[in-house]
Amino acid sequence: SLHCAVTGMEEHKGSAVKSLLVADRTSRTMI
């Protein structure tokens, strides 16, 4: 979930996020 993604980003504060993919709610494909 987005909640756990935010948890991870806080934990990796020294690293820049290169990309964030999320599932489309309807099709479940990554976008």
PDB file of all heavy atoms in Angstrom:
ATOM      1  N   SER A   1       0.828  -1.205   0.000  1.00  0.00           N
ATOM      2  CA  SER A   1       0.000   0.000   0.000  1.00  0.00           C
ATOM      3  C   SER A   1       0.864   1.258   0.000  1.00  0.00           C
ATOM      4  O   SER A   1       2.069   1.207   0.249  1.00  0.00           O
ATOM      5  CB  SER A   1      -0.871   0.012   1.252  1.00  0.00           C
ATOM      6  OG  SER A   1      -0.036   0.076   2.401  1.00  0.00           O
ATOM      7  N   LEU A   2       0.200   2.379  -0.221  1.00  0.00           N
ATOM      8  CA  LEU A   2       0.879   3.667  -0.146  1.00  0.00           C
ATOM      9  C   LEU A   2       1.406   3.911   1.269  1.00  0.00           C
ATOM     10  O   LEU A   2       2.492   4.456   1.443  1.00  0.00           O
ATOM     11  CB  LEU A   2      -0.081   4.790  -0.575  1.00  0.00           C
ATOM     12  CG  LEU A   2       0.472   6.206  -0.555  1.00  0.00           C
ATOM     13  CD1 LEU A   2       1.724   6.337  -1.423  1.00  0.00           C
ATOM     14  CD2 LEU A   2      -0.602   7.194  -1.013  1.00  0.00           C
ATOM     15  N   HIS A   3       0.672   3.482   2.279  1.00  0.00           N
ATOM     16  CA  HIS A   3       1.127   3.634   3.664  1.00  0.00           C
ATOM     17  C   HIS A   3       2.500   2.980   3.859  1.00  0.00           C
ATOM     18  O   HIS A   3       3.414   3.589   4.416  1.00  0.00           O
ATOM     19  CB  HIS A   3       0.111   3.016   4.632  1.00  0.00           C
ATOM     20  CG  HIS A   3       0.627   2.925   6.032  1.00  0.00           C
ATOM     21  ND1 HIS A   3       0.606   3.986   6.895  1.00  0.00           N
ATOM     22  CD2 HIS A   3       1.205   1.894   6.701  1.00  0.00           C
ATOM     23  CE1 HIS A   3       1.144   3.620   8.047  1.00  0.00           C
ATOM     24  NE2 HIS A   3       1.508   2.356   7.958  1.00  0.00           N
ATOM     25  N   CYS A   4       2.641   1.753   3.393  1.00  0.00           N
ATOM     26  CA  CYS A   4       3.920   1.052   3.564  1.00  0.00           C
ATOM     27  C   CYS A   4       5.006   1.635   2.650  1.00  0.00           C
ATOM     28  O   CYS A   4       6.181   1.624   3.006  1.00  0.00           O
ATOM     29  CB  CYS A   4       3.744  -0.445   3.346  1.00  0.00           C
ATOM     30  SG  CYS A   4       2.884  -1.233   4.748  1.00  0.00           S
ATOM     31  N   ALA A   5       4.622   2.183   1.501  1.00  0.00           N
ATOM     32  CA  ALA A   5       5.597   2.860   0.636  1.00  0.00           C
ATOM     33  C   ALA A   5       6.172   4.076   1.358  1.00  0.00           C
ATOM     34  O   ALA A   5       7.387   4.308   1.339  1.00  0.00           O
ATOM     35  CB  ALA A   5       4.948   3.272  -0.686  1.00  0.00           C
ATOM     36  N   VAL A   6       5.307   4.846   2.027  1.00  0.00           N
ATOM     37  CA  VAL A   6       5.761   6.010   2.789  1.00  0.00           C
ATOM     38  C   VAL A   6       6.657   5.570   3.939  1.00  0.00           C
ATOM     39  O   VAL A   6       7.691   6.184   4.204  1.00  0.00           O
ATOM     40  CB  VAL A   6       4.551   6.837   3.283  1.00  0.00           C
ATOM     41  CG1 VAL A   6       4.960   7.864   4.330  1.00  0.00           C
ATOM     42  CG2 VAL A   6       3.876   7.524   2.101  1.00  0.00           C
ATOM     43  N   THR A   7       6.298   4.483   4.603  1.00  0.00           N
ATOM     44  CA  THR A   7       7.135   3.932   5.672  1.00  0.00           C
ATOM     45  C   THR A   7       8.525   3.618   5.132  1.00  0.00           C
ATOM     46  O   THR A   7       9.539   3.965   5.746  1.00  0.00           O
ATOM     47  CB  THR A   7       6.495   2.657   6.260  1.00  0.00           C
ATOM     48  OG1 THR A   7       5.233   2.993   6.814  1.00  0.00           O
ATOM     49  CG2 THR A   7       7.380   2.029   7.327  1.00  0.00           C
ATOM     50  N   GLY A   8       8.578   2.983   3.968  1.00  0.00           N
ATOM     51  CA  GLY A   8       9.853   2.643   3.352  1.00  0.00           C
ATOM     52  C   GLY A   8      10.659   3.855   2.947  1.00  0.00           C
ATOM     53  O   GLY A   8      11.886   3.898   3.129  1.00  0.00           O
ATOM     54  N   MET A   9       9.992   4.858   2.389  1.00  0.00           N
ATOM     55  CA  MET A   9      10.699   6.072   1.972  1.00  0.00           C
ATOM     56  C   MET A   9      11.294   6.787   3.182  1.00  0.00           C
ATOM     57  O   MET A   9      12.386   7.344   3.098  1.00  0.00           O
ATOM     58  CB  MET A   9       9.777   6.988   1.173  1.00  0.00           C
ATOM     59  CG  MET A   9       9.473   6.432  -0.209  1.00  0.00           C
ATOM     60  SD  MET A   9       8.532   7.554  -1.263  1.00  0.00           S
ATOM     61  CE  MET A   9       6.868   7.311  -0.656  1.00  0.00           C
ATOM     62  N   GLU A  10      10.583   6.764   4.310  1.00  0.00           N
ATOM     63  CA  GLU A  10      11.117   7.359   5.536  1.00  0.00           C
ATOM     64  C   GLU A  10      12.344   6.586   6.011  1.00  0.00           C
ATOM     65  O   GLU A  10      13.313   7.167   6.474  1.00  0.00           O
ATOM     66  CB  GLU A  10      10.045   7.381   6.639  1.00  0.00           C
ATOM     67  CG  GLU A  10       8.975   8.425   6.424  1.00  0.00           C
ATOM     68  CD  GLU A  10       9.526   9.841   6.434  1.00  0.00           C
ATOM     69  OE1 GLU A  10      10.331  10.181   7.328  1.00  0.00           O
ATOM     70  OE2 GLU A  10       9.148  10.613   5.529  1.00  0.00           O
ATOM     71  N   GLU A  11      12.287   5.276   5.891  1.00  0.00           N
ATOM     72  CA  GLU A  11      13.392   4.421   6.314  1.00  0.00           C
ATOM     73  C   GLU A  11      14.626   4.599   5.413  1.00  0.00           C
ATOM     74  O   GLU A  11      15.749   4.457   5.862  1.00  0.00           O
ATOM     75  CB  GLU A  11      12.935   2.964   6.281  1.00  0.00           C
ATOM     76  CG  GLU A  11      13.820   2.027   7.034  1.00  0.00           C
ATOM     77  CD  GLU A  11      13.202   0.644   7.125  1.00  0.00           C
ATOM     78  OE1 GLU A  11      12.314   0.458   7.978  1.00  0.00           O
ATOM     79  OE2 GLU A  11      13.596  -0.224   6.329  1.00  0.00           O
ATOM     80  N   HIS A  12      14.404   4.922   4.142  1.00  0.00           N
ATOM     81  CA  HIS A  12      15.484   5.094   3.165  1.00  0.00           C
ATOM     82  C   HIS A  12      15.753   6.571   2.881  1.00  0.00           C
ATOM     83  O   HIS A  12      16.064   6.944   1.754  1.00  0.00           O
ATOM     84  CB  HIS A  12      15.120   4.406   1.843  1.00  0.00           C
ATOM     85  CG  HIS A  12      15.173   2.928   1.895  1.00  0.00           C
ATOM     86  ND1 HIS A  12      14.096   2.161   2.301  1.00  0.00           N
ATOM     87  CD2 HIS A  12      16.169   2.064   1.602  1.00  0.00           C
ATOM     88  CE1 HIS A  12      14.424   0.888   2.235  1.00  0.00           C
ATOM     89  NE2 HIS A  12      15.678   0.797   1.827  1.00  0.00           N
ATOM     90  N   LYS A  13      15.662   7.413   3.883  1.00  0.00           N
ATOM     91  CA  LYS A  13      15.793   8.862   3.681  1.00  0.00           C
ATOM     92  C   LYS A  13      17.077   9.258   2.963  1.00  0.00           C
ATOM     93  O   LYS A  13      17.093  10.250   2.258  1.00  0.00           O
ATOM     94  CB  LYS A  13      15.680   9.604   4.998  1.00  0.00           C
ATOM     95  CG  LYS A  13      14.276   9.994   5.286  1.00  0.00           C
ATOM     96  CD  LYS A  13      14.214  11.064   6.324  1.00  0.00           C
ATOM     97  CE  LYS A  13      12.775  11.532   6.353  1.00  0.00           C
ATOM     98  NZ  LYS A  13      12.442  12.510   7.267  1.00  0.00           N
ATOM     99  N   GLY A  14      18.154   8.523   3.108  1.00  0.00           N
ATOM    100  CA  GLY A  14      19.412   8.865   2.463  1.00  0.00           C
ATOM    101  C   GLY A  14      19.431   8.534   0.976  1.00  0.00           C
ATOM    102  O   GLY A  14      20.320   8.977   0.253  1.00  0.00           O
ATOM    103  N   SER A  15      18.447   7.785   0.501  1.00  0.00           N
ATOM    104  CA  SER A  15      18.390   7.385  -0.907  1.00  0.00           C
ATOM    105  C   SER A  15      17.259   8.122  -1.604  1.00  0.00           C
ATOM    106  O   SER A  15      16.175   8.281  -1.046  1.00  0.00           O
ATOM    107  CB  SER A  15      18.117   5.880  -1.022  1.00  0.00           C
ATOM    108  OG  SER A  15      19.100   5.144  -0.355  1.00  0.00           O
ATOM    109  N   ALA A  16      17.526   8.541  -2.811  1.00  0.00           N
ATOM    110  CA  ALA A  16      16.479   9.201  -3.604  1.00  0.00           C
ATOM    111  C   ALA A  16      15.592   8.135  -4.247  1.00  0.00           C
ATOM    112  O   ALA A  16      16.065   7.069  -4.649  1.00  0.00           O
ATOM    113  CB  ALA A  16      17.103  10.078  -4.679  1.00  0.00           C
ATOM    114  N   VAL A  17      14.306   8.435  -4.345  1.00  0.00           N
ATOM    115  CA  VAL A  17      13.370   7.540  -5.021  1.00  0.00           C
ATOM    116  C   VAL A  17      13.537   7.743  -6.517  1.00  0.00           C
ATOM    117  O   VAL A  17      13.416   8.858  -7.021  1.00  0.00           O
ATOM    118  CB  VAL A  17      11.908   7.823  -4.594  1.00  0.00           C
ATOM    119  CG1 VAL A  17      10.940   6.996  -5.409  1.00  0.00           C
ATOM    120  CG2 VAL A  17      11.734   7.548  -3.111  1.00  0.00           C
ATOM    121  N   LYS A  18      13.841   6.659  -7.198  1.00  0.00           N
ATOM    122  CA  LYS A  18      14.028   6.690  -8.654  1.00  0.00           C
ATOM    123  C   LYS A  18      12.682   6.551  -9.366  1.00  0.00           C
ATOM    124  O   LYS A  18      12.419   7.246 -10.335  1.00  0.00           O
ATOM    125  CB  LYS A  18      14.971   5.557  -9.065  1.00  0.00           C
ATOM    126  CG  LYS A  18      15.341   5.539 -10.512  1.00  0.00           C
ATOM    127  CD  LYS A  18      16.347   4.421 -10.765  1.00  0.00           C
ATOM    128  CE  LYS A  18      16.564   4.189 -12.232  1.00  0.00           C
ATOM    129  NZ  LYS A  18      17.474   3.070 -12.458  1.00  0.00           N
ATOM    130  N   SER A  19      11.839   5.653  -8.881  1.00  0.00           N
ATOM    131  CA  SER A  19      10.502   5.499  -9.457  1.00  0.00           C
ATOM    132  C   SER A  19       9.553   4.873  -8.446  1.00  0.00           C
ATOM    133  O   SER A  19       9.970   4.173  -7.537  1.00  0.00           O
ATOM    134  CB  SER A  19      10.550   4.639 -10.723  1.00  0.00           C
ATOM    135  OG  SER A  19      10.827   3.292 -10.402  1.00  0.00           O
ATOM    136  N   LEU A  20       8.272   5.183  -8.640  1.00  0.00           N
ATOM    137  CA  LEU A  20       7.198   4.629  -7.815  1.00  0.00           C
ATOM    138  C   LEU A  20       6.137   4.071  -8.751  1.00  0.00           C
ATOM    139  O   LEU A  20       5.574   4.803  -9.553  1.00  0.00           O
ATOM    140  CB  LEU A  20       6.549   5.730  -6.974  1.00  0.00           C
ATOM    141  CG  LEU A  20       7.239   6.132  -5.705  1.00  0.00           C
ATOM    142  CD1 LEU A  20       6.736   7.487  -5.242  1.00  0.00           C
ATOM    143  CD2 LEU A  20       6.987   5.110  -4.627  1.00  0.00           C
ATOM    144  N   LEU A  21       5.909   2.789  -8.657  1.00  0.00           N
ATOM    145  CA  LEU A  21       4.844   2.169  -9.434  1.00  0.00           C
ATOM    146  C   LEU A  21       3.725   1.782  -8.480  1.00  0.00           C
ATOM    147  O   LEU A  21       3.980   1.344  -7.363  1.00  0.00           O
ATOM    148  CB  LEU A  21       5.354   0.923 -10.159  1.00  0.00           C
ATOM    149  CG  LEU A  21       6.428   1.141 -11.218  1.00  0.00           C
ATOM    150  CD1 LEU A  21       6.881  -0.205 -11.796  1.00  0.00           C
ATOM    151  CD2 LEU A  21       5.928   2.053 -12.324  1.00  0.00           C
ATOM    152  N   VAL A  22       2.502   1.938  -8.935  1.00  0.00           N
ATOM    153  CA  VAL A  22       1.330   1.594  -8.129  1.00  0.00           C
ATOM    154  C   VAL A  22       0.371   0.809  -9.008  1.00  0.00           C
ATOM    155  O   VAL A  22       0.323   1.006 -10.226  1.00  0.00           O
ATOM    156  CB  VAL A  22       0.648   2.864  -7.561  1.00  0.00           C
ATOM    157  CG1 VAL A  22       0.130   3.774  -8.663  1.00  0.00           C
ATOM    158  CG2 VAL A  22      -0.461   2.511  -6.580  1.00  0.00           C
ATOM    159  N   ALA A  23      -0.394  -0.057  -8.392  1.00  0.00           N
ATOM    160  CA  ALA A  23      -1.380  -0.836  -9.138  1.00  0.00           C
ATOM    161  C   ALA A  23      -2.592   0.030  -9.462  1.00  0.00           C
ATOM    162  O   ALA A  23      -3.078   0.767  -8.609  1.00  0.00           O
ATOM    163  CB  ALA A  23      -1.823  -2.053  -8.334  1.00  0.00           C
ATOM    164  N   ASP A  24      -3.051  -0.060 -10.694  1.00  0.00           N
ATOM    165  CA  ASP A  24      -4.328   0.531 -11.055  1.00  0.00           C
ATOM    166  C   ASP A  24      -5.396  -0.221 -10.267  1.00  0.00           C
ATOM    167  O   ASP A  24      -5.413  -1.461 -10.270  1.00  0.00           O
ATOM    168  CB  ASP A  24      -4.548   0.376 -12.566  1.00  0.00           C
ATOM    169  CG  ASP A  24      -5.946   0.740 -12.978  1.00  0.00           C
ATOM    170  OD1 ASP A  24      -6.225   1.934 -13.137  1.00  0.00           O
ATOM    171  OD2 ASP A  24      -6.775  -0.187 -13.143  1.00  0.00           O
ATOM    172  N   ARG A  25      -6.272   0.486  -9.583  1.00  0.00           N
ATOM    173  CA  ARG A  25      -7.281  -0.127  -8.697  1.00  0.00           C
ATOM    174  C   ARG A  25      -8.175  -1.108  -9.442  1.00  0.00           C
ATOM    175  O   ARG A  25      -8.583  -2.124  -8.901  1.00  0.00           O
ATOM    176  CB  ARG A  25      -8.137   0.989  -8.060  1.00  0.00           C
ATOM    177  CG  ARG A  25      -9.305   0.501  -7.202  1.00  0.00           C
ATOM    178  CD  ARG A  25      -8.792  -0.043  -5.894  1.00  0.00           C
ATOM    179  NE  ARG A  25      -9.816  -0.382  -4.943  1.00  0.00           N
ATOM    180  CZ  ARG A  25     -10.509  -1.529  -4.939  1.00  0.00           C
ATOM    181  NH1 ARG A  25     -10.331  -2.415  -5.862  1.00  0.00           N
ATOM    182  NH2 ARG A  25     -11.392  -1.767  -3.980  1.00  0.00           N
ATOM    183  N   THR A  26      -8.439  -0.829 -10.703  1.00  0.00           N
ATOM    184  CA  THR A  26      -9.358  -1.655 -11.479  1.00  0.00           C
ATOM    185  C   THR A  26      -8.681  -2.857 -12.127  1.00  0.00           C
ATOM    186  O   THR A  26      -9.108  -3.993 -11.947  1.00  0.00           O
ATOM    187  CB  THR A  26     -10.046  -0.803 -12.561  1.00  0.00           C
ATOM    188  OG1 THR A  26     -10.638   0.340 -11.943  1.00  0.00           O
ATOM    189  CG2 THR A  26     -11.109  -1.587 -13.285  1.00  0.00           C
ATOM    190  N   SER A  27      -7.605  -2.607 -12.866  1.00  0.00           N
ATOM    191  CA  SER A  27      -6.966  -3.674 -13.655  1.00  0.00           C
ATOM    192  C   SER A  27      -5.817  -4.366 -12.935  1.00  0.00           C
ATOM    193  O   SER A  27      -5.367  -5.422 -13.370  1.00  0.00           O
ATOM    194  CB  SER A  27      -6.438  -3.102 -14.965  1.00  0.00           C
ATOM    195  OG  SER A  27      -5.338  -2.238 -14.719  1.00  0.00           O
ATOM    196  N   ARG A  28      -5.308  -3.749 -11.877  1.00  0.00           N
ATOM    197  CA  ARG A  28      -4.148  -4.240 -11.123  1.00  0.00           C
ATOM    198  C   ARG A  28      -2.825  -4.150 -11.893  1.00  0.00           C
ATOM    199  O   ARG A  28      -1.819  -4.673 -11.455  1.00  0.00           O
ATOM    200  CB  ARG A  28      -4.363  -5.661 -10.610  1.00  0.00           C
ATOM    201  CG  ARG A  28      -5.509  -5.768  -9.635  1.00  0.00           C
ATOM    202  CD  ARG A  28      -5.659  -7.154  -9.093  1.00  0.00           C
ATOM    203  NE  ARG A  28      -6.768  -7.204  -8.143  1.00  0.00           N
ATOM    204  CZ  ARG A  28      -6.798  -7.975  -7.085  1.00  0.00           C
ATOM    205  NH1 ARG A  28      -5.810  -8.791  -6.828  1.00  0.00           N
ATOM    206  NH2 ARG A  28      -7.826  -7.955  -6.278  1.00  0.00           N
ATOM    207  N   THR A  29      -2.822  -3.511 -13.047  1.00  0.00           N
ATOM    208  CA  THR A  29      -1.571  -3.314 -13.778  1.00  0.00           C
ATOM    209  C   THR A  29      -0.782  -2.191 -13.110  1.00  0.00           C
ATOM    210  O   THR A  29      -1.359  -1.271 -12.525  1.00  0.00           O
ATOM    211  CB  THR A  29      -1.809  -2.971 -15.259  1.00  0.00           C
ATOM    212  OG1 THR A  29      -2.605  -1.785 -15.342  1.00  0.00           O
ATOM    213  CG2 THR A  29      -2.488  -4.100 -15.988  1.00  0.00           C
ATOM    214  N   MET A  30       0.531  -2.274 -13.192  1.00  0.00           N
ATOM    215  CA  MET A  30       1.384  -1.286 -12.557  1.00  0.00           C
ATOM    216  C   MET A  30       1.505  -0.045 -13.438  1.00  0.00           C
ATOM    217  O   MET A  30       1.720  -0.155 -14.641  1.00  0.00           O
ATOM    218  CB  MET A  30       2.763  -1.875 -12.275  1.00  0.00           C
ATOM    219  CG  MET A  30       2.735  -3.090 -11.338  1.00  0.00           C
ATOM    220  SD  MET A  30       1.951  -2.769  -9.746  1.00  0.00           S
ATOM    221  CE  MET A  30       3.248  -1.907  -8.896  1.00  0.00           C
ATOM    222  N   ILE A  31       1.354   1.123 -12.803  1.00  0.00           N
ATOM    223  CA  ILE A  31       1.431   2.406 -13.491  1.00  0.00           C
ATOM    224  C   ILE A  31       2.305   3.353 -12.668  1.00  0.00           C
ATOM    225  O   ILE A  31       2.540   3.122 -11.484  1.00  0.00           O
ATOM    226  CB  ILE A  31       0.031   3.017 -13.714  1.00  0.00           C
ATOM    227  CG1 ILE A  31      -0.721   3.188 -12.378  1.00  0.00           C
ATOM    228  CG2 ILE A  31      -0.786   2.157 -14.675  1.00  0.00           C
ATOM    229  CD1 ILE A  31      -2.085   3.866 -12.486  1.00  0.00           C
TER     230      ILE A  31
END
